[in-house]
Amino acid sequence: MADFDMVLKCWGPVEADYNTHGGLVLTRLFNENPDSQKLFPKFAGIAKCDLAGNAAISAHGATVLKKLGDLLKAKGDHAALLKPLATTHAKTHKIALNNFKLITEVIAKVMGEKAGLDAAGQDALRRVMAVVIADIDVTYKELGFTG
């Protein structure tokens, strides 16, 4: 519980402006890990110089962060939230587990810079996400997805 609380104490700025933070997260993800942009077909053709400030990217980033917020607030009791997300990411989007690790690092950096999440809080986020990713992996295996 302490890890969830540590992250949630800095969640307010993110929650107050999901679009801005979501845009920052996806833009950084695509810049730092260019192959990840190909996983989002509607963003695949957007030039690097046009990523920042793109309304569609910000909106999708907001969706990602809202779901993360729901998972954080569930404080580990997230099976009902996570199963449908894992299922669509396996069956429809075909997202390998490593990509969840990549976006975790980006979210930790953005929250550190924009929401005051210190190094200990960033480590707490990594631990929380390690559990979430392990639970996603369980669903992936149940579905026979080896991404």
Protein backbone atom coordinates (compact mmCIF):
# COMPACT_ATOMS: atom_id res chain seq x y z
CA MET A 1 0.00 0.00 0.00
CA ALA A 2 2.83 2.41 0.74
CA ASP A 3 3.96 2.34 -2.90
CA PHE A 4 0.49 3.23 -4.16
CA ASP A 5 0.18 6.03 -1.62
CA MET A 6 3.60 7.41 -2.52
CA VAL A 7 2.63 7.67 -6.19
CA LEU A 8 -0.89 8.90 -5.50
CA LYS A 9 0.38 11.79 -3.37
CA CYS A 10 1.80 13.26 -6.60
CA TRP A 11 -1.09 12.21 -8.84
CA GLY A 12 -3.06 15.46 -8.38
CA PRO A 13 -1.18 17.49 -11.03
CA VAL A 14 -1.53 14.62 -13.52
CA GLU A 15 -5.24 14.25 -12.80
CA ALA A 16 -5.75 18.00 -13.08
CA ASP A 17 -4.49 17.98 -16.68
CA TYR A 18 -4.56 14.51 -18.19
CA ASN A 19 -4.27 15.84 -21.75
CA THR A 20 -1.06 17.78 -21.21
CA HIS A 21 0.60 15.02 -19.21
CA GLY A 22 -0.67 12.34 -21.59
CA GLY A 23 0.75 14.23 -24.55
CA LEU A 24 4.09 14.58 -22.80
CA VAL A 25 4.18 10.86 -21.99
CA LEU A 26 3.38 9.60 -25.51
CA THR A 27 5.55 12.20 -27.24
CA ARG A 28 8.51 11.22 -25.06
CA LEU A 29 7.76 7.51 -25.51
CA PHE A 30 7.79 7.92 -29.30
CA ASN A 31 10.93 10.06 -29.27
CA GLU A 32 12.90 7.80 -26.91
CA ASN A 33 11.58 4.53 -28.38
CA PRO A 34 10.74 5.23 -32.04
CA ASP A 35 9.50 1.69 -32.72
CA SER A 36 6.75 2.20 -30.14
CA GLN A 37 5.06 4.75 -32.38
CA LYS A 38 4.35 1.96 -34.90
CA LEU A 39 2.23 0.21 -32.25
CA PHE A 40 -0.29 3.04 -32.57
CA PRO A 41 -1.45 2.83 -36.21
CA LYS A 42 -3.22 6.20 -36.13
CA PHE A 43 0.03 7.89 -35.02
CA ALA A 44 2.48 5.93 -37.20
CA GLY A 45 2.69 8.59 -39.92
CA ILE A 46 3.15 11.61 -37.66
CA ALA A 47 6.58 13.18 -38.04
CA LYS A 48 8.68 13.58 -34.88
CA CYS A 49 8.51 17.36 -35.16
CA ASP A 50 4.70 17.19 -35.14
CA LEU A 51 4.25 14.89 -32.12
CA ALA A 52 4.30 17.54 -29.39
CA GLY A 53 1.00 19.32 -29.16
CA ASN A 54 -0.85 16.84 -31.40
CA ALA A 55 -4.42 16.75 -30.04
CA ALA A 56 -5.00 13.06 -30.88
CA ILE A 57 -1.78 12.02 -29.16
CA SER A 58 -2.66 14.08 -26.09
CA ALA A 59 -6.15 12.59 -25.98
CA HIS A 60 -4.84 9.03 -26.19
CA GLY A 61 -2.20 9.79 -23.58
CA ALA A 62 -4.97 11.11 -21.34
CA THR A 63 -6.81 7.78 -21.75
CA VAL A 64 -3.65 5.89 -20.75
CA LEU A 65 -3.12 8.05 -17.66
CA LYS A 66 -6.77 7.87 -16.59
CA LYS A 67 -6.58 4.07 -16.68
CA LEU A 68 -3.32 4.19 -14.72
CA GLY A 69 -5.03 6.44 -12.17
CA ASP A 70 -7.84 3.90 -11.80
CA LEU A 71 -5.26 1.13 -11.28
CA LEU A 72 -3.35 3.19 -8.70
CA LYS A 73 -6.51 4.03 -6.78
CA ALA A 74 -7.47 0.34 -6.72
CA LYS A 75 -4.27 -0.20 -4.67
CA GLY A 76 -3.65 -3.72 -5.91
CA ASP A 77 -7.29 -4.80 -6.12
CA HIS A 78 -7.25 -4.27 -9.85
CA ALA A 79 -8.20 -7.63 -11.41
CA ALA A 80 -11.56 -6.38 -12.71
CA LEU A 81 -9.93 -3.31 -14.24
CA LEU A 82 -6.90 -5.07 -15.65
CA LYS A 83 -8.39 -8.16 -17.29
CA PRO A 84 -10.26 -6.31 -20.08
CA LEU A 85 -7.27 -4.02 -20.68
CA ALA A 86 -4.88 -6.97 -20.91
CA THR A 87 -7.28 -8.82 -23.19
CA THR A 88 -7.56 -5.97 -25.71
CA HIS A 89 -3.83 -5.32 -25.58
CA ALA A 90 -3.19 -9.00 -26.37
CA LYS A 91 -5.94 -9.77 -28.88
CA THR A 92 -6.51 -6.46 -30.64
CA HIS A 93 -3.43 -4.29 -30.19
CA LYS A 94 -0.78 -7.07 -29.88
CA ILE A 95 1.30 -5.10 -27.37
CA ALA A 96 4.33 -6.94 -25.99
CA LEU A 97 4.97 -6.72 -22.25
CA ASN A 98 8.22 -4.84 -22.76
CA ASN A 99 6.22 -1.85 -24.03
CA PHE A 100 4.50 -1.53 -20.65
CA LYS A 101 7.97 -1.35 -19.09
CA LEU A 102 9.03 1.34 -21.56
CA ILE A 103 5.99 3.52 -20.88
CA THR A 104 6.45 3.02 -17.12
CA GLU A 105 9.90 4.59 -17.37
CA VAL A 106 8.53 7.50 -19.37
CA ILE A 107 5.67 8.07 -16.92
CA ALA A 108 8.15 8.01 -14.03
CA LYS A 109 10.30 10.66 -15.74
CA VAL A 110 7.36 12.90 -16.65
CA MET A 111 5.90 12.64 -13.15
CA GLY A 112 9.31 13.46 -11.73
CA GLU A 113 9.59 16.56 -13.86
CA LYS A 114 5.99 17.78 -13.85
CA ALA A 115 4.28 16.36 -10.76
CA GLY A 116 7.02 16.34 -8.13
CA LEU A 117 7.42 12.56 -7.92
CA ASP A 118 10.84 12.15 -6.30
CA ALA A 119 13.28 9.27 -6.89
CA ALA A 120 11.67 7.16 -4.15
CA GLY A 121 8.24 7.80 -5.67
CA GLN A 122 9.52 6.85 -9.12
CA ASP A 123 10.83 3.59 -7.67
CA ALA A 124 7.43 3.05 -6.03
CA LEU A 125 5.77 3.55 -9.44
CA ARG A 126 8.14 0.99 -10.95
CA ARG A 127 7.24 -1.52 -8.23
CA VAL A 128 3.51 -0.93 -8.67
CA MET A 129 3.84 -1.31 -12.43
CA ALA A 130 5.93 -4.48 -12.06
CA VAL A 131 2.95 -6.06 -10.28
CA VAL A 132 0.52 -4.73 -12.90
CA ILE A 133 2.72 -5.99 -15.74
CA ALA A 134 3.04 -9.41 -14.08
CA ASP A 135 -0.75 -9.55 -13.84
CA ILE A 136 -1.07 -8.55 -17.51
CA ASP A 137 1.34 -11.38 -18.30
CA VAL A 138 -0.94 -13.87 -16.52
CA THR A 139 -3.83 -12.84 -18.78
CA TYR A 140 -1.56 -12.91 -21.83
CA LYS A 141 -0.58 -16.50 -21.00
CA GLU A 142 -4.22 -17.49 -20.45
CA LEU A 143 -4.98 -16.12 -23.92
CA GLY A 144 -1.96 -17.80 -25.49
CA PHE A 145 -0.40 -14.42 -26.39
CA THR A 146 3.39 -14.49 -26.26
CA GLY A 147 4.02 -10.83 -27.00
